[in-house]
Amino acid sequence: MPAKGVQSITSQEAKKLMDEKNVQFIDVRTPGEFRANHRKPFKNIPLSDLRKRSDEINREHSVVLVCQSGMRSSKAAKLLKKQGYKKLYNVKGGMGAWV
């Protein structure tokens, strides 16, 4: 269940956002998972580090979050929402659904 104020999007919708300015792409999987399979322009900030590294994410820009299945990125979106981030997107199905 997505958090209030967090929009669930498909991998195709995420790809369309890659052409836009002021959109950040964050992969919350572990560094090992990220190295094994990742997409540009995603930046790796593992969920376990997100609270202390959230200052690396611009609050004024949209944030697209991805993990392997969509569960960790949903948790990440809830965490960022509590920290005041407004434009949050969670990729449904995560990297497993990336086409």
N, C-alpha and C. Protein backbone atom coordinates (compact mmCIF):
# COMPACT_ATOMS: atom_id res chain seq x y z
N MET A 1 0.84 -1.19 0.00
CA MET A 1 0.00 0.00 0.00
C MET A 1 0.88 1.25 0.00
N PRO A 2 0.75 2.10 -1.02
CA PRO A 2 1.60 3.28 -1.06
C PRO A 2 1.25 4.27 0.05
N ALA A 3 2.26 4.99 0.51
CA ALA A 3 2.03 6.00 1.53
C ALA A 3 1.26 7.16 0.92
N LYS A 4 0.51 7.85 1.76
CA LYS A 4 -0.24 9.02 1.28
C LYS A 4 0.76 10.04 0.73
N GLY A 5 0.47 10.53 -0.48
CA GLY A 5 1.38 11.51 -1.08
C GLY A 5 2.51 10.89 -1.87
N VAL A 6 2.53 9.56 -1.97
CA VAL A 6 3.54 8.86 -2.75
C VAL A 6 2.82 8.22 -3.93
N GLN A 7 3.29 8.53 -5.13
CA GLN A 7 2.65 7.99 -6.33
C GLN A 7 3.38 6.73 -6.79
N SER A 8 2.63 5.65 -7.01
CA SER A 8 3.21 4.43 -7.59
C SER A 8 3.21 4.58 -9.10
N ILE A 9 4.36 4.28 -9.71
CA ILE A 9 4.48 4.38 -11.16
C ILE A 9 5.10 3.10 -11.70
N THR A 10 4.89 2.85 -12.99
CA THR A 10 5.49 1.69 -13.63
C THR A 10 6.92 2.02 -14.05
N SER A 11 7.68 1.00 -14.42
CA SER A 11 9.04 1.25 -14.91
C SER A 11 8.99 2.09 -16.18
N GLN A 12 7.97 1.90 -17.02
CA GLN A 12 7.84 2.69 -18.24
C GLN A 12 7.62 4.17 -17.91
N GLU A 13 6.80 4.43 -16.90
CA GLU A 13 6.56 5.82 -16.48
C GLU A 13 7.84 6.42 -15.90
N ALA A 14 8.61 5.61 -15.16
CA ALA A 14 9.89 6.10 -14.61
C ALA A 14 10.84 6.47 -15.75
N LYS A 15 10.88 5.64 -16.79
CA LYS A 15 11.75 5.93 -17.93
C LYS A 15 11.40 7.26 -18.58
N LYS A 16 10.10 7.57 -18.66
CA LYS A 16 9.68 8.84 -19.24
C LYS A 16 10.18 10.03 -18.40
N LEU A 17 10.24 9.84 -17.09
CA LEU A 17 10.71 10.91 -16.20
C LEU A 17 12.21 11.17 -16.35
N MET A 18 12.94 10.20 -16.93
CA MET A 18 14.39 10.36 -17.08
C MET A 18 14.75 11.53 -18.00
N ASP A 19 13.84 11.94 -18.85
CA ASP A 19 14.10 13.05 -19.76
C ASP A 19 13.82 14.41 -19.11
N GLU A 20 13.24 14.40 -17.93
CA GLU A 20 12.86 15.65 -17.29
C GLU A 20 13.96 16.17 -16.37
N LYS A 21 13.99 17.48 -16.25
CA LYS A 21 14.92 18.11 -15.31
C LYS A 21 14.30 18.05 -13.92
N ASN A 22 15.12 18.24 -12.92
CA ASN A 22 14.64 18.29 -11.53
C ASN A 22 13.99 16.99 -11.05
N VAL A 23 14.47 15.87 -11.58
CA VAL A 23 14.02 14.56 -11.11
C VAL A 23 15.26 13.78 -10.68
N GLN A 24 15.21 13.23 -9.47
CA GLN A 24 16.32 12.43 -8.94
C GLN A 24 15.89 10.98 -8.89
N PHE A 25 16.83 10.08 -9.15
CA PHE A 25 16.55 8.65 -9.19
C PHE A 25 17.40 7.97 -8.13
N ILE A 26 16.74 7.34 -7.15
CA ILE A 26 17.43 6.72 -6.02
C ILE A 26 17.09 5.24 -5.97
N ASP A 27 18.13 4.41 -5.93
CA ASP A 27 18.01 2.96 -5.80
C ASP A 27 18.36 2.63 -4.35
N VAL A 28 17.41 2.07 -3.60
CA VAL A 28 17.61 1.83 -2.17
C VAL A 28 18.06 0.40 -1.85
N ARG A 29 18.46 -0.36 -2.88
CA ARG A 29 18.96 -1.72 -2.63
C ARG A 29 20.37 -1.66 -2.04
N THR A 30 20.88 -2.82 -1.64
CA THR A 30 22.23 -2.89 -1.08
C THR A 30 23.26 -2.58 -2.17
N PRO A 31 24.47 -2.16 -1.79
CA PRO A 31 25.50 -1.91 -2.80
C PRO A 31 25.77 -3.12 -3.70
N GLY A 32 25.72 -4.32 -3.14
CA GLY A 32 25.94 -5.53 -3.93
C GLY A 32 24.85 -5.73 -4.98
N GLU A 33 23.60 -5.53 -4.58
CA GLU A 33 22.49 -5.64 -5.53
C GLU A 33 22.63 -4.59 -6.62
N PHE A 34 23.00 -3.38 -6.21
CA PHE A 34 23.14 -2.27 -7.17
C PHE A 34 24.23 -2.58 -8.19
N ARG A 35 25.38 -3.07 -7.71
CA ARG A 35 26.49 -3.40 -8.63
C ARG A 35 26.09 -4.49 -9.61
N ALA A 36 25.32 -5.46 -9.15
CA ALA A 36 24.94 -6.60 -9.99
C ALA A 36 23.97 -6.20 -11.10
N ASN A 37 23.13 -5.21 -10.84
CA ASN A 37 22.11 -4.83 -11.83
C ASN A 37 21.58 -3.45 -11.48
N HIS A 38 21.95 -2.45 -12.26
CA HIS A 38 21.39 -1.11 -12.03
C HIS A 38 21.21 -0.38 -13.34
N ARG A 39 20.47 0.69 -13.27
CA ARG A 39 20.18 1.52 -14.44
C ARG A 39 20.67 2.94 -14.18
N LYS A 40 21.14 3.57 -15.25
CA LYS A 40 21.42 4.99 -15.15
C LYS A 40 20.09 5.69 -15.25
N PRO A 41 19.84 6.76 -14.62
CA PRO A 41 20.70 7.60 -13.77
C PRO A 41 20.52 7.34 -12.27
N PHE A 42 20.12 6.13 -11.87
CA PHE A 42 19.89 5.85 -10.46
C PHE A 42 21.16 5.95 -9.63
N LYS A 43 21.04 6.59 -8.47
CA LYS A 43 22.11 6.71 -7.49
C LYS A 43 21.80 5.73 -6.36
N ASN A 44 22.80 5.03 -5.88
CA ASN A 44 22.58 4.04 -4.83
C ASN A 44 22.69 4.67 -3.45
N ILE A 45 21.58 4.70 -2.73
CA ILE A 45 21.55 5.07 -1.31
C ILE A 45 20.74 3.96 -0.64
N PRO A 46 21.42 2.95 -0.07
CA PRO A 46 20.69 1.83 0.55
C PRO A 46 19.69 2.30 1.59
N LEU A 47 18.57 1.60 1.69
CA LEU A 47 17.53 1.95 2.66
C LEU A 47 18.12 2.10 4.06
N SER A 48 19.06 1.23 4.42
CA SER A 48 19.65 1.29 5.77
C SER A 48 20.44 2.58 6.01
N ASP A 49 20.87 3.25 4.95
CA ASP A 49 21.64 4.51 5.06
C ASP A 49 20.80 5.74 4.78
N LEU A 50 19.57 5.55 4.34
CA LEU A 50 18.78 6.66 3.82
C LEU A 50 18.55 7.78 4.84
N ARG A 51 18.25 7.41 6.08
CA ARG A 51 17.98 8.43 7.10
C ARG A 51 19.18 9.37 7.26
N LYS A 52 20.39 8.81 7.31
CA LYS A 52 21.57 9.66 7.52
C LYS A 52 22.10 10.28 6.22
N ARG A 53 21.66 9.80 5.07
CA ARG A 53 22.13 10.35 3.79
C ARG A 53 21.07 11.13 3.02
N SER A 54 19.91 11.36 3.65
CA SER A 54 18.82 12.03 2.94
C SER A 54 19.19 13.45 2.51
N ASP A 55 20.21 14.04 3.15
CA ASP A 55 20.64 15.39 2.73
C ASP A 55 21.27 15.39 1.34
N GLU A 56 21.55 14.21 0.78
CA GLU A 56 22.08 14.11 -0.58
C GLU A 56 20.96 14.24 -1.62
N ILE A 57 19.71 14.27 -1.16
CA ILE A 57 18.54 14.33 -2.04
C ILE A 57 17.90 15.71 -1.92
N ASN A 58 17.76 16.39 -3.04
CA ASN A 58 17.19 17.73 -3.06
C ASN A 58 15.68 17.67 -2.78
N ARG A 59 15.25 18.36 -1.74
CA ARG A 59 13.83 18.37 -1.35
C ARG A 59 12.94 19.06 -2.38
N GLU A 60 13.51 19.92 -3.21
CA GLU A 60 12.72 20.68 -4.17
C GLU A 60 12.45 19.90 -5.46
N HIS A 61 13.17 18.81 -5.66
CA HIS A 61 13.03 18.02 -6.88
C HIS A 61 12.18 16.78 -6.64
N SER A 62 11.63 16.24 -7.71
CA SER A 62 10.92 14.97 -7.63
C SER A 62 11.93 13.85 -7.35
N VAL A 63 11.49 12.82 -6.64
CA VAL A 63 12.35 11.69 -6.30
C VAL A 63 11.68 10.40 -6.75
N VAL A 64 12.37 9.64 -7.62
CA VAL A 64 11.90 8.34 -8.07
C VAL A 64 12.70 7.29 -7.31
N LEU A 65 12.01 6.41 -6.60
CA LEU A 65 12.66 5.39 -5.78
C LEU A 65 12.43 4.01 -6.36
N VAL A 66 13.49 3.18 -6.31
CA VAL A 66 13.38 1.81 -6.80
C VAL A 66 14.16 0.89 -5.86
N CYS A 67 13.71 -0.37 -5.77
CA CYS A 67 14.44 -1.43 -5.07
C CYS A 67 14.30 -2.67 -5.94
N GLN A 68 14.32 -3.86 -5.35
CA GLN A 68 14.19 -5.07 -6.16
C GLN A 68 12.74 -5.37 -6.51
N SER A 69 11.84 -5.22 -5.51
CA SER A 69 10.44 -5.61 -5.74
C SER A 69 9.44 -4.48 -5.51
N GLY A 70 9.86 -3.41 -4.86
CA GLY A 70 8.96 -2.30 -4.55
C GLY A 70 8.69 -2.13 -3.07
N MET A 71 9.09 -3.10 -2.25
CA MET A 71 8.82 -3.02 -0.81
C MET A 71 9.75 -2.03 -0.10
N ARG A 72 11.06 -2.17 -0.32
CA ARG A 72 12.00 -1.26 0.34
C ARG A 72 11.84 0.17 -0.16
N SER A 73 11.56 0.33 -1.45
CA SER A 73 11.39 1.69 -1.97
C SER A 73 10.12 2.32 -1.40
N SER A 74 9.10 1.52 -1.11
CA SER A 74 7.90 2.03 -0.46
C SER A 74 8.23 2.51 0.95
N LYS A 75 9.04 1.74 1.68
CA LYS A 75 9.48 2.15 3.02
C LYS A 75 10.30 3.42 2.93
N ALA A 76 11.17 3.49 1.91
CA ALA A 76 12.01 4.68 1.72
C ALA A 76 11.14 5.91 1.45
N ALA A 77 10.10 5.74 0.64
CA ALA A 77 9.20 6.86 0.32
C ALA A 77 8.51 7.35 1.59
N LYS A 78 8.06 6.43 2.46
CA LYS A 78 7.41 6.82 3.71
C LYS A 78 8.39 7.59 4.59
N LEU A 79 9.64 7.13 4.65
CA LEU A 79 10.65 7.80 5.46
C LEU A 79 10.90 9.22 4.94
N LEU A 80 11.06 9.35 3.62
CA LEU A 80 11.31 10.67 3.04
C LEU A 80 10.10 11.58 3.19
N LYS A 81 8.90 11.03 3.09
CA LYS A 81 7.67 11.81 3.27
C LYS A 81 7.66 12.42 4.67
N LYS A 82 8.03 11.64 5.67
CA LYS A 82 8.07 12.13 7.05
C LYS A 82 9.11 13.23 7.20
N GLN A 83 10.15 13.20 6.36
CA GLN A 83 11.20 14.22 6.43
C GLN A 83 10.88 15.46 5.60
N GLY A 84 9.68 15.49 5.01
CA GLY A 84 9.25 16.69 4.32
C GLY A 84 9.38 16.69 2.81
N TYR A 85 9.77 15.58 2.23
CA TYR A 85 9.85 15.51 0.77
C TYR A 85 8.43 15.44 0.21
N LYS A 86 8.20 16.15 -0.90
CA LYS A 86 6.83 16.28 -1.42
C LYS A 86 6.55 15.41 -2.64
N LYS A 87 7.42 15.43 -3.63
CA LYS A 87 7.16 14.76 -4.91
C LYS A 87 7.89 13.43 -4.95
N LEU A 88 7.22 12.38 -4.49
CA LEU A 88 7.83 11.06 -4.38
C LEU A 88 7.12 10.05 -5.28
N TYR A 89 7.92 9.24 -5.95
CA TYR A 89 7.39 8.20 -6.84
C TYR A 89 8.05 6.88 -6.48
N ASN A 90 7.25 5.83 -6.37
CA ASN A 90 7.76 4.49 -6.09
C ASN A 90 7.51 3.63 -7.34
N VAL A 91 8.58 2.99 -7.85
CA VAL A 91 8.45 2.15 -9.04
C VAL A 91 7.84 0.81 -8.63
N LYS A 92 6.61 0.55 -9.11
CA LYS A 92 5.90 -0.70 -8.79
C LYS A 92 6.68 -1.89 -9.34
N GLY A 93 6.90 -2.89 -8.50
CA GLY A 93 7.59 -4.10 -8.94
C GLY A 93 9.10 -3.96 -8.96
N GLY A 94 9.62 -2.77 -8.71
CA GLY A 94 11.05 -2.52 -8.62
C GLY A 94 11.83 -2.94 -9.85
N MET A 95 13.10 -3.28 -9.63
CA MET A 95 13.97 -3.70 -10.74
C MET A 95 13.47 -4.98 -11.37
N GLY A 96 12.75 -5.80 -10.59
CA GLY A 96 12.20 -7.03 -11.12
C GLY A 96 11.19 -6.79 -12.23
N ALA A 97 10.58 -5.61 -12.25
CA ALA A 97 9.57 -5.29 -13.27
C ALA A 97 10.14 -4.37 -14.35
N TRP A 98 11.44 -4.04 -14.24
CA TRP A 98 12.03 -3.12 -15.21
C TRP A 98 12.08 -3.78 -16.58
N VAL A 99 11.47 -3.14 -17.54
CA VAL A 99 11.38 -3.71 -18.90
C VAL A 99 12.34 -3.01 -19.83
